[in-house]
Amino acid sequence: MYPRRKRQKNLQKLGDVLQKTLKRFKISGNSIDQNIWNAWNQAVGPQIAAKTRPEKLRRNTLFVKVSTSIWMHQLQFMKQEIMDKINKILGREMIKNLHFSIGEIPPPPTLKDEGNFTFPDQYHLSERDRKVIEESSISVPDKELGDILKRVMTKEIIRRRMRENPKAHGK
């Protein structure tokens, strides 16, 4: 028989720890995969993409902000067609529902060449960036979650640097 573990005081939920870490480094915890973002833009085209913004993916539902109620109403009629296109682009049935809500649509996280934007993983991080990322992810006990945090932080740092100085990154 195993000895009973003592109940630890001050336990925190892993989601809360991750959210605090992301917030500390000013990284949005609601970001979605760049592949889904690109698939959305390709599926709906530039006119609709300019008035919408995919926000998060939860349980196969893609949550999308829409600029006006008129656009939201119109997109309701196109829901199935959009989901089919996105899933075809992604090569699997990843999106089973779309949820639209009205909200402010900030400019997309792109450089001047909007159509060809992807997060360039080939850009190198500084030694300081690597150290910050490593120190943050090492505090996460779950290895898979730590790896996810590393990828999110890496992409966010690169995205910020590219926005601040696009010419330095070949754009």
N, C-alpha and C. Protein backbone atom coordinates (compact mmCIF):
# COMPACT_ATOMS: atom_id res chain seq x y z
N MET A 1 0.85 -1.18 0.00
CA MET A 1 0.00 0.00 0.00
C MET A 1 0.89 1.25 0.00
N TYR A 2 0.46 2.22 -0.74
CA TYR A 2 1.22 3.46 -0.86
C TYR A 2 0.86 4.41 0.27
N PRO A 3 1.85 5.13 0.76
CA PRO A 3 1.54 6.13 1.80
C PRO A 3 0.72 7.26 1.19
N ARG A 4 -0.17 7.78 1.94
CA ARG A 4 -1.04 8.86 1.49
C ARG A 4 -0.23 10.16 1.42
N ARG A 5 -0.40 10.85 0.30
CA ARG A 5 0.33 12.11 0.14
C ARG A 5 -0.31 13.20 0.98
N LYS A 6 0.56 14.05 1.51
CA LYS A 6 0.04 15.20 2.25
C LYS A 6 -0.55 16.18 1.26
N ARG A 7 -1.58 16.81 1.68
CA ARG A 7 -2.21 17.83 0.85
C ARG A 7 -1.33 19.07 0.84
N GLN A 8 -0.96 19.49 -0.34
CA GLN A 8 -0.09 20.65 -0.45
C GLN A 8 -0.91 21.93 -0.37
N LYS A 9 -0.32 22.91 0.27
CA LYS A 9 -0.97 24.21 0.37
C LYS A 9 -0.55 25.06 -0.82
N ASN A 10 -1.35 26.03 -1.13
CA ASN A 10 -1.05 27.01 -2.17
C ASN A 10 -0.85 26.39 -3.56
N LEU A 11 -1.61 25.36 -3.88
CA LEU A 11 -1.54 24.78 -5.22
C LEU A 11 -2.17 25.76 -6.21
N GLN A 12 -1.58 25.82 -7.39
CA GLN A 12 -2.12 26.67 -8.44
C GLN A 12 -2.49 25.81 -9.63
N LYS A 13 -3.52 26.23 -10.34
CA LYS A 13 -3.89 25.54 -11.56
C LYS A 13 -2.83 25.81 -12.61
N LEU A 14 -2.50 24.80 -13.39
CA LEU A 14 -1.49 24.94 -14.42
C LEU A 14 -1.89 26.01 -15.44
N GLY A 15 -3.15 26.08 -15.77
CA GLY A 15 -3.64 27.10 -16.70
C GLY A 15 -3.39 28.51 -16.18
N ASP A 16 -3.56 28.69 -14.87
CA ASP A 16 -3.30 30.01 -14.27
C ASP A 16 -1.82 30.37 -14.33
N VAL A 17 -0.96 29.37 -14.06
CA VAL A 17 0.48 29.61 -14.12
C VAL A 17 0.89 29.99 -15.54
N LEU A 18 0.38 29.25 -16.52
CA LEU A 18 0.70 29.53 -17.92
C LEU A 18 0.20 30.91 -18.31
N GLN A 19 -1.03 31.24 -17.92
CA GLN A 19 -1.61 32.55 -18.26
C GLN A 19 -0.77 33.68 -17.66
N LYS A 20 -0.33 33.53 -16.41
CA LYS A 20 0.51 34.55 -15.78
C LYS A 20 1.83 34.71 -16.52
N THR A 21 2.43 33.59 -16.92
CA THR A 21 3.70 33.65 -17.64
C THR A 21 3.53 34.35 -18.98
N LEU A 22 2.48 33.99 -19.70
CA LEU A 22 2.23 34.63 -20.99
C LEU A 22 1.97 36.12 -20.81
N LYS A 23 1.21 36.47 -19.77
CA LYS A 23 0.90 37.87 -19.51
C LYS A 23 2.16 38.65 -19.14
N ARG A 24 3.03 38.03 -18.34
CA ARG A 24 4.27 38.68 -17.92
C ARG A 24 5.13 39.07 -19.13
N PHE A 25 5.11 38.22 -20.15
CA PHE A 25 5.89 38.52 -21.35
C PHE A 25 5.04 39.15 -22.45
N LYS A 26 3.82 39.59 -22.07
CA LYS A 26 2.92 40.29 -22.98
C LYS A 26 2.63 39.48 -24.24
N ILE A 27 2.34 38.20 -24.03
CA ILE A 27 1.98 37.31 -25.12
C ILE A 27 0.53 36.93 -24.93
N SER A 28 -0.24 37.06 -25.99
CA SER A 28 -1.65 36.72 -25.93
C SER A 28 -1.81 35.21 -25.79
N GLY A 29 -2.60 34.78 -24.83
CA GLY A 29 -2.86 33.35 -24.64
C GLY A 29 -3.95 32.84 -25.54
N ASN A 30 -4.60 33.73 -26.29
CA ASN A 30 -5.71 33.33 -27.15
C ASN A 30 -5.31 33.24 -28.61
N SER A 31 -4.04 33.26 -28.89
CA SER A 31 -3.62 33.24 -30.28
C SER A 31 -3.92 31.89 -30.91
N ILE A 32 -4.06 31.91 -32.22
CA ILE A 32 -4.32 30.66 -32.92
C ILE A 32 -3.15 30.35 -33.81
N ASP A 33 -3.07 29.13 -34.22
CA ASP A 33 -2.02 28.65 -35.08
C ASP A 33 -2.00 29.44 -36.39
N GLN A 34 -0.81 29.77 -36.85
CA GLN A 34 -0.67 30.55 -38.08
C GLN A 34 -1.27 29.82 -39.28
N ASN A 35 -1.25 28.48 -39.28
CA ASN A 35 -1.84 27.73 -40.38
C ASN A 35 -3.35 27.98 -40.47
N ILE A 36 -4.01 28.07 -39.33
CA ILE A 36 -5.45 28.32 -39.33
C ILE A 36 -5.71 29.75 -39.80
N TRP A 37 -4.88 30.68 -39.34
CA TRP A 37 -5.03 32.08 -39.77
C TRP A 37 -4.91 32.16 -41.30
N ASN A 38 -3.87 31.54 -41.85
CA ASN A 38 -3.67 31.55 -43.29
C ASN A 38 -4.82 30.86 -44.03
N ALA A 39 -5.29 29.74 -43.48
CA ALA A 39 -6.40 29.01 -44.11
C ALA A 39 -7.67 29.87 -44.10
N TRP A 40 -7.91 30.59 -43.01
CA TRP A 40 -9.08 31.49 -42.93
C TRP A 40 -8.99 32.54 -44.03
N ASN A 41 -7.85 33.22 -44.12
CA ASN A 41 -7.68 34.28 -45.12
C ASN A 41 -7.85 33.75 -46.53
N GLN A 42 -7.32 32.58 -46.78
CA GLN A 42 -7.43 31.98 -48.11
C GLN A 42 -8.88 31.55 -48.40
N ALA A 43 -9.55 31.00 -47.41
CA ALA A 43 -10.92 30.51 -47.59
C ALA A 43 -11.93 31.63 -47.82
N VAL A 44 -11.78 32.74 -47.11
CA VAL A 44 -12.78 33.81 -47.20
C VAL A 44 -12.41 34.90 -48.20
N GLY A 45 -11.16 34.99 -48.57
CA GLY A 45 -10.72 36.02 -49.51
C GLY A 45 -10.41 37.33 -48.82
N PRO A 46 -9.77 38.25 -49.54
CA PRO A 46 -9.28 39.48 -48.93
C PRO A 46 -10.37 40.42 -48.42
N GLN A 47 -11.52 40.48 -49.09
CA GLN A 47 -12.57 41.41 -48.67
C GLN A 47 -13.13 41.01 -47.30
N ILE A 48 -13.45 39.75 -47.13
CA ILE A 48 -13.99 39.28 -45.84
C ILE A 48 -12.88 39.25 -44.79
N ALA A 49 -11.68 38.85 -45.18
CA ALA A 49 -10.56 38.80 -44.23
C ALA A 49 -10.29 40.17 -43.62
N ALA A 50 -10.52 41.23 -44.39
CA ALA A 50 -10.30 42.59 -43.88
C ALA A 50 -11.32 42.98 -42.83
N LYS A 51 -12.48 42.32 -42.81
CA LYS A 51 -13.55 42.66 -41.87
C LYS A 51 -13.70 41.63 -40.75
N THR A 52 -12.82 40.64 -40.73
CA THR A 52 -12.91 39.57 -39.73
C THR A 52 -11.53 39.26 -39.18
N ARG A 53 -11.55 38.52 -38.06
CA ARG A 53 -10.28 38.09 -37.47
C ARG A 53 -10.51 36.83 -36.66
N PRO A 54 -9.90 35.70 -37.06
CA PRO A 54 -10.00 34.50 -36.23
C PRO A 54 -9.27 34.74 -34.91
N GLU A 55 -9.92 34.42 -33.80
CA GLU A 55 -9.36 34.72 -32.48
C GLU A 55 -8.80 33.50 -31.76
N LYS A 56 -9.57 32.43 -31.74
CA LYS A 56 -9.10 31.24 -31.02
C LYS A 56 -9.84 30.02 -31.54
N LEU A 57 -9.25 28.87 -31.29
CA LEU A 57 -9.84 27.59 -31.65
C LEU A 57 -10.01 26.81 -30.36
N ARG A 58 -11.24 26.41 -30.09
CA ARG A 58 -11.53 25.65 -28.88
C ARG A 58 -12.52 24.55 -29.22
N ARG A 59 -12.10 23.31 -28.96
CA ARG A 59 -12.95 22.14 -29.20
C ARG A 59 -13.55 22.15 -30.61
N ASN A 60 -12.71 22.33 -31.59
CA ASN A 60 -13.07 22.32 -33.01
C ASN A 60 -14.01 23.46 -33.42
N THR A 61 -14.15 24.47 -32.56
CA THR A 61 -14.93 25.66 -32.91
C THR A 61 -13.95 26.81 -33.08
N LEU A 62 -14.01 27.44 -34.24
CA LEU A 62 -13.18 28.60 -34.51
C LEU A 62 -13.99 29.85 -34.16
N PHE A 63 -13.47 30.63 -33.23
CA PHE A 63 -14.12 31.87 -32.80
C PHE A 63 -13.57 33.01 -33.64
N VAL A 64 -14.48 33.76 -34.25
CA VAL A 64 -14.08 34.80 -35.19
C VAL A 64 -14.73 36.13 -34.81
N LYS A 65 -13.92 37.18 -34.72
CA LYS A 65 -14.44 38.54 -34.51
C LYS A 65 -14.83 39.09 -35.87
N VAL A 66 -15.93 39.83 -35.89
CA VAL A 66 -16.45 40.41 -37.12
C VAL A 66 -16.69 41.90 -36.86
N SER A 67 -16.43 42.74 -37.86
CA SER A 67 -16.47 44.18 -37.66
C SER A 67 -17.88 44.73 -37.43
N THR A 68 -18.90 44.18 -38.08
CA THR A 68 -20.27 44.71 -37.95
C THR A 68 -21.29 43.59 -37.90
N SER A 69 -22.48 43.93 -37.47
CA SER A 69 -23.56 42.93 -37.43
C SER A 69 -23.97 42.51 -38.83
N ILE A 70 -23.83 43.40 -39.79
CA ILE A 70 -24.18 43.06 -41.18
C ILE A 70 -23.26 41.96 -41.69
N TRP A 71 -21.97 42.11 -41.44
CA TRP A 71 -21.02 41.08 -41.85
C TRP A 71 -21.29 39.78 -41.09
N MET A 72 -21.59 39.88 -39.82
CA MET A 72 -21.86 38.68 -39.03
C MET A 72 -23.06 37.93 -39.59
N HIS A 73 -24.10 38.67 -39.93
CA HIS A 73 -25.32 38.07 -40.49
C HIS A 73 -24.99 37.37 -41.81
N GLN A 74 -24.26 38.03 -42.66
CA GLN A 74 -23.91 37.45 -43.97
C GLN A 74 -23.06 36.19 -43.80
N LEU A 75 -22.11 36.23 -42.86
CA LEU A 75 -21.23 35.08 -42.66
C LEU A 75 -21.98 33.86 -42.12
N GLN A 76 -23.07 34.09 -41.40
CA GLN A 76 -23.88 32.97 -40.91
C GLN A 76 -24.37 32.11 -42.08
N PHE A 77 -24.71 32.77 -43.19
CA PHE A 77 -25.19 32.04 -44.37
C PHE A 77 -24.06 31.29 -45.07
N MET A 78 -22.84 31.72 -44.84
CA MET A 78 -21.68 31.13 -45.52
C MET A 78 -20.91 30.15 -44.62
N LYS A 79 -21.42 29.91 -43.44
CA LYS A 79 -20.71 29.15 -42.41
C LYS A 79 -20.20 27.80 -42.92
N GLN A 80 -21.08 26.98 -43.46
CA GLN A 80 -20.70 25.64 -43.89
C GLN A 80 -19.68 25.68 -45.02
N GLU A 81 -19.88 26.57 -45.96
CA GLU A 81 -18.96 26.71 -47.08
C GLU A 81 -17.56 27.12 -46.59
N ILE A 82 -17.51 28.05 -45.64
CA ILE A 82 -16.22 28.50 -45.09
C ILE A 82 -15.53 27.35 -44.35
N MET A 83 -16.28 26.62 -43.52
CA MET A 83 -15.69 25.49 -42.78
C MET A 83 -15.14 24.45 -43.75
N ASP A 84 -15.90 24.13 -44.80
CA ASP A 84 -15.45 23.15 -45.79
C ASP A 84 -14.15 23.60 -46.45
N LYS A 85 -14.08 24.88 -46.82
CA LYS A 85 -12.87 25.40 -47.46
C LYS A 85 -11.67 25.35 -46.53
N ILE A 86 -11.87 25.78 -45.29
CA ILE A 86 -10.77 25.77 -44.32
C ILE A 86 -10.25 24.35 -44.11
N ASN A 87 -11.17 23.42 -43.89
CA ASN A 87 -10.78 22.03 -43.65
C ASN A 87 -10.06 21.44 -44.87
N LYS A 88 -10.51 21.80 -46.06
CA LYS A 88 -9.85 21.32 -47.28
C LYS A 88 -8.43 21.89 -47.36
N ILE A 89 -8.29 23.17 -47.06
CA ILE A 89 -6.96 23.80 -47.08
C ILE A 89 -6.04 23.16 -46.05
N LEU A 90 -6.58 22.88 -44.86
CA LEU A 90 -5.78 22.28 -43.78
C LEU A 90 -5.52 20.80 -44.02
N GLY A 91 -6.32 20.18 -44.88
CA GLY A 91 -6.13 18.76 -45.19
C GLY A 91 -6.72 17.81 -44.18
N ARG A 92 -7.55 18.32 -43.30
CA ARG A 92 -8.25 17.47 -42.31
C ARG A 92 -9.42 18.24 -41.73
N GLU A 93 -10.34 17.52 -41.11
CA GLU A 93 -11.52 18.17 -40.54
C GLU A 93 -11.17 18.68 -39.15
N MET A 94 -10.69 19.90 -39.12
CA MET A 94 -10.27 20.51 -37.87
C MET A 94 -11.35 21.44 -37.33
N ILE A 95 -12.08 22.10 -38.21
CA ILE A 95 -13.10 23.07 -37.82
C ILE A 95 -14.47 22.42 -38.03
N LYS A 96 -15.22 22.30 -36.94
CA LYS A 96 -16.56 21.73 -37.03
C LYS A 96 -17.64 22.76 -36.78
N ASN A 97 -17.24 23.94 -36.31
CA ASN A 97 -18.21 25.00 -36.06
C ASN A 97 -17.49 26.35 -36.12
N LEU A 98 -18.24 27.37 -36.48
CA LEU A 98 -17.73 28.74 -36.47
C LEU A 98 -18.62 29.54 -35.53
N HIS A 99 -18.01 30.35 -34.69
CA HIS A 99 -18.76 31.22 -33.79
C HIS A 99 -18.33 32.66 -34.07
N PHE A 100 -19.30 33.47 -34.50
CA PHE A 100 -19.01 34.86 -34.83
C PHE A 100 -19.46 35.77 -33.71
N SER A 101 -18.66 36.80 -33.44
CA SER A 101 -19.05 37.83 -32.49
C SER A 101 -18.52 39.16 -33.00
N ILE A 102 -19.22 40.22 -32.65
CA ILE A 102 -18.83 41.55 -33.11
C ILE A 102 -17.72 42.07 -32.22
N GLY A 103 -16.73 42.66 -32.84
CA GLY A 103 -15.61 43.21 -32.08
C GLY A 103 -14.74 44.06 -32.97
N GLU A 104 -13.82 44.74 -32.34
CA GLU A 104 -12.89 45.58 -33.09
C GLU A 104 -11.92 44.69 -33.86
N ILE A 105 -11.70 45.05 -35.10
CA ILE A 105 -10.79 44.28 -35.93
C ILE A 105 -9.51 45.10 -36.10
N PRO A 106 -8.48 44.76 -35.31
CA PRO A 106 -7.22 45.48 -35.46
C PRO A 106 -6.55 45.06 -36.77
N PRO A 107 -5.58 45.82 -37.22
CA PRO A 107 -4.89 45.43 -38.44
C PRO A 107 -4.29 44.04 -38.27
N PRO A 108 -4.29 43.25 -39.32
CA PRO A 108 -3.74 41.90 -39.20
C PRO A 108 -2.25 41.93 -38.90
N PRO A 109 -1.73 40.90 -38.23
CA PRO A 109 -0.32 40.88 -37.88
C PRO A 109 0.53 40.52 -39.08
N THR A 110 0.55 41.42 -40.04
CA THR A 110 1.30 41.16 -41.25
C THR A 110 2.26 42.31 -41.50
N LEU A 111 3.14 42.06 -42.41
CA LEU A 111 4.00 43.11 -42.90
C LEU A 111 3.31 43.71 -44.11
N LYS A 112 4.01 44.51 -44.89
CA LYS A 112 3.38 45.15 -46.04
C LYS A 112 2.92 44.14 -47.08
N ASP A 113 3.60 43.03 -47.20
CA ASP A 113 3.23 42.00 -48.16
C ASP A 113 2.27 41.03 -47.49
N GLU A 114 1.01 41.40 -47.41
CA GLU A 114 0.02 40.68 -46.63
C GLU A 114 -0.21 39.25 -47.09
N GLY A 115 -0.20 39.01 -48.40
CA GLY A 115 -0.55 37.69 -48.91
C GLY A 115 0.44 36.60 -48.59
N ASN A 116 1.70 36.92 -48.38
CA ASN A 116 2.72 35.90 -48.21
C ASN A 116 3.27 35.83 -46.79
N PHE A 117 2.54 36.31 -45.82
CA PHE A 117 3.08 36.37 -44.47
C PHE A 117 2.99 35.02 -43.78
N THR A 118 4.09 34.62 -43.17
CA THR A 118 4.13 33.48 -42.25
C THR A 118 5.14 33.85 -41.18
N PHE A 119 5.05 33.17 -40.05
CA PHE A 119 6.04 33.41 -39.02
C PHE A 119 7.33 32.73 -39.46
N PRO A 120 8.38 33.47 -39.67
CA PRO A 120 9.62 32.88 -40.17
C PRO A 120 10.43 32.25 -39.06
N ASP A 121 10.37 30.94 -38.97
CA ASP A 121 11.10 30.23 -37.92
C ASP A 121 12.60 30.27 -38.13
N GLN A 122 13.04 30.62 -39.36
CA GLN A 122 14.47 30.59 -39.62
C GLN A 122 15.21 31.75 -38.99
N TYR A 123 14.53 32.81 -38.54
CA TYR A 123 15.22 33.93 -37.92
C TYR A 123 15.74 33.51 -36.57
N HIS A 124 16.91 33.98 -36.27
CA HIS A 124 17.57 33.57 -35.03
C HIS A 124 17.22 34.51 -33.89
N LEU A 125 17.09 33.95 -32.72
CA LEU A 125 16.84 34.72 -31.51
C LEU A 125 18.19 35.08 -30.89
N SER A 126 18.18 36.16 -30.14
CA SER A 126 19.41 36.52 -29.42
C SER A 126 19.60 35.55 -28.26
N GLU A 127 20.80 35.55 -27.73
CA GLU A 127 21.09 34.68 -26.59
C GLU A 127 20.20 35.03 -25.41
N ARG A 128 19.95 36.32 -25.21
CA ARG A 128 19.08 36.77 -24.13
C ARG A 128 17.65 36.24 -24.33
N ASP A 129 17.15 36.29 -25.58
CA ASP A 129 15.82 35.76 -25.88
C ASP A 129 15.73 34.28 -25.54
N ARG A 130 16.75 33.53 -25.98
CA ARG A 130 16.75 32.09 -25.71
C ARG A 130 16.75 31.80 -24.20
N LYS A 131 17.52 32.61 -23.46
CA LYS A 131 17.61 32.42 -22.02
C LYS A 131 16.26 32.69 -21.34
N VAL A 132 15.60 33.78 -21.75
CA VAL A 132 14.29 34.12 -21.18
C VAL A 132 13.28 33.02 -21.48
N ILE A 133 13.28 32.54 -22.72
CA ILE A 133 12.34 31.48 -23.11
C ILE A 133 12.62 30.21 -22.32
N GLU A 134 13.88 29.84 -22.20
CA GLU A 134 14.25 28.63 -21.47
C GLU A 134 13.87 28.74 -19.99
N GLU A 135 14.16 29.88 -19.37
CA GLU A 135 13.84 30.06 -17.96
C GLU A 135 12.32 30.01 -17.73
N SER A 136 11.56 30.54 -18.66
CA SER A 136 10.11 30.53 -18.51
C SER A 136 9.54 29.14 -18.67
N SER A 137 10.05 28.41 -19.66
CA SER A 137 9.47 27.09 -19.94
C SER A 137 9.92 26.03 -18.95
N ILE A 138 11.08 26.21 -18.35
CA ILE A 138 11.59 25.21 -17.41
C ILE A 138 10.75 25.15 -16.14
N SER A 139 10.05 26.27 -15.84
CA SER A 139 9.23 26.30 -14.63
C SER A 139 7.90 25.56 -14.82
N VAL A 140 7.61 25.14 -16.06
CA VAL A 140 6.38 24.40 -16.35
C VAL A 140 6.69 22.91 -16.21
N PRO A 141 6.05 22.23 -15.26
CA PRO A 141 6.38 20.83 -15.01
C PRO A 141 6.04 19.89 -16.17
N ASP A 142 5.01 20.19 -16.93
CA ASP A 142 4.59 19.34 -18.04
C ASP A 142 5.47 19.65 -19.26
N LYS A 143 6.22 18.65 -19.75
CA LYS A 143 7.17 18.88 -20.85
C LYS A 143 6.46 19.35 -22.12
N GLU A 144 5.35 18.73 -22.45
CA GLU A 144 4.63 19.11 -23.67
C GLU A 144 4.16 20.56 -23.59
N LEU A 145 3.61 20.94 -22.45
CA LEU A 145 3.15 22.31 -22.25
C LEU A 145 4.34 23.28 -22.28
N GLY A 146 5.46 22.88 -21.72
CA GLY A 146 6.67 23.70 -21.77
C GLY A 146 7.13 23.92 -23.20
N ASP A 147 7.06 22.86 -24.02
CA ASP A 147 7.44 22.99 -25.43
C ASP A 147 6.50 23.93 -26.17
N ILE A 148 5.22 23.85 -25.86
CA ILE A 148 4.25 24.75 -26.48
C ILE A 148 4.56 26.20 -26.09
N LEU A 149 4.85 26.41 -24.81
CA LEU A 149 5.20 27.75 -24.35
C LEU A 149 6.43 28.28 -25.07
N LYS A 150 7.43 27.43 -25.27
CA LYS A 150 8.64 27.83 -26.00
C LYS A 150 8.29 28.29 -27.41
N ARG A 151 7.46 27.50 -28.11
CA ARG A 151 7.09 27.85 -29.49
C ARG A 151 6.31 29.16 -29.53
N VAL A 152 5.36 29.33 -28.61
CA VAL A 152 4.56 30.56 -28.59
C VAL A 152 5.45 31.77 -28.33
N MET A 153 6.32 31.66 -27.35
CA MET A 153 7.19 32.79 -27.01
C MET A 153 8.14 33.11 -28.17
N THR A 154 8.69 32.07 -28.81
CA THR A 154 9.59 32.28 -29.95
C THR A 154 8.88 33.02 -31.07
N LYS A 155 7.70 32.54 -31.43
CA LYS A 155 6.95 33.19 -32.51
C LYS A 155 6.57 34.62 -32.15
N GLU A 156 6.20 34.85 -30.92
CA GLU A 156 5.81 36.20 -30.50
C GLU A 156 7.00 37.16 -30.55
N ILE A 157 8.15 36.71 -30.09
CA ILE A 157 9.34 37.57 -30.12
C ILE A 157 9.71 37.90 -31.56
N ILE A 158 9.69 36.91 -32.43
CA ILE A 158 10.01 37.13 -33.85
C ILE A 158 9.00 38.08 -34.47
N ARG A 159 7.72 37.87 -34.19
CA ARG A 159 6.66 38.72 -34.75
C ARG A 159 6.86 40.17 -34.33
N ARG A 160 7.15 40.38 -33.05
CA ARG A 160 7.39 41.75 -32.56
C ARG A 160 8.59 42.39 -33.23
N ARG A 161 9.66 41.65 -33.33
CA ARG A 161 10.87 42.19 -33.96
C ARG A 161 10.61 42.55 -35.41
N MET A 162 9.85 41.73 -36.11
CA MET A 162 9.55 42.00 -37.51
C MET A 162 8.67 43.24 -37.65
N ARG A 163 7.75 43.41 -36.72
CA ARG A 163 6.90 44.63 -36.76
C ARG A 163 7.73 45.87 -36.48
N GLU A 164 8.65 45.75 -35.53
CA GLU A 164 9.48 46.89 -35.15
C GLU A 164 10.47 47.27 -36.24
N ASN A 165 11.00 46.28 -36.93
CA ASN A 165 12.05 46.53 -37.92
C ASN A 165 11.91 45.57 -39.10
N PRO A 166 10.91 45.77 -39.97
CA PRO A 166 10.68 44.81 -41.06
C PRO A 166 11.83 44.72 -42.04
N LYS A 167 12.58 45.78 -42.26
CA LYS A 167 13.67 45.77 -43.24
C LYS A 167 14.80 44.84 -42.80
N ALA A 168 14.98 44.71 -41.50
CA ALA A 168 16.05 43.85 -40.98
C ALA A 168 15.76 42.39 -41.25
N HIS A 169 14.51 42.06 -41.56
CA HIS A 169 14.12 40.66 -41.78
C HIS A 169 13.77 40.40 -43.23
N GLY A 170 14.26 41.26 -44.11
CA GLY A 170 14.10 41.00 -45.53
C GLY A 170 12.76 41.37 -46.10
N LYS A 171 11.96 42.13 -45.41
CA LYS A 171 10.64 42.53 -45.93
C LYS A 171 10.62 44.00 -46.21
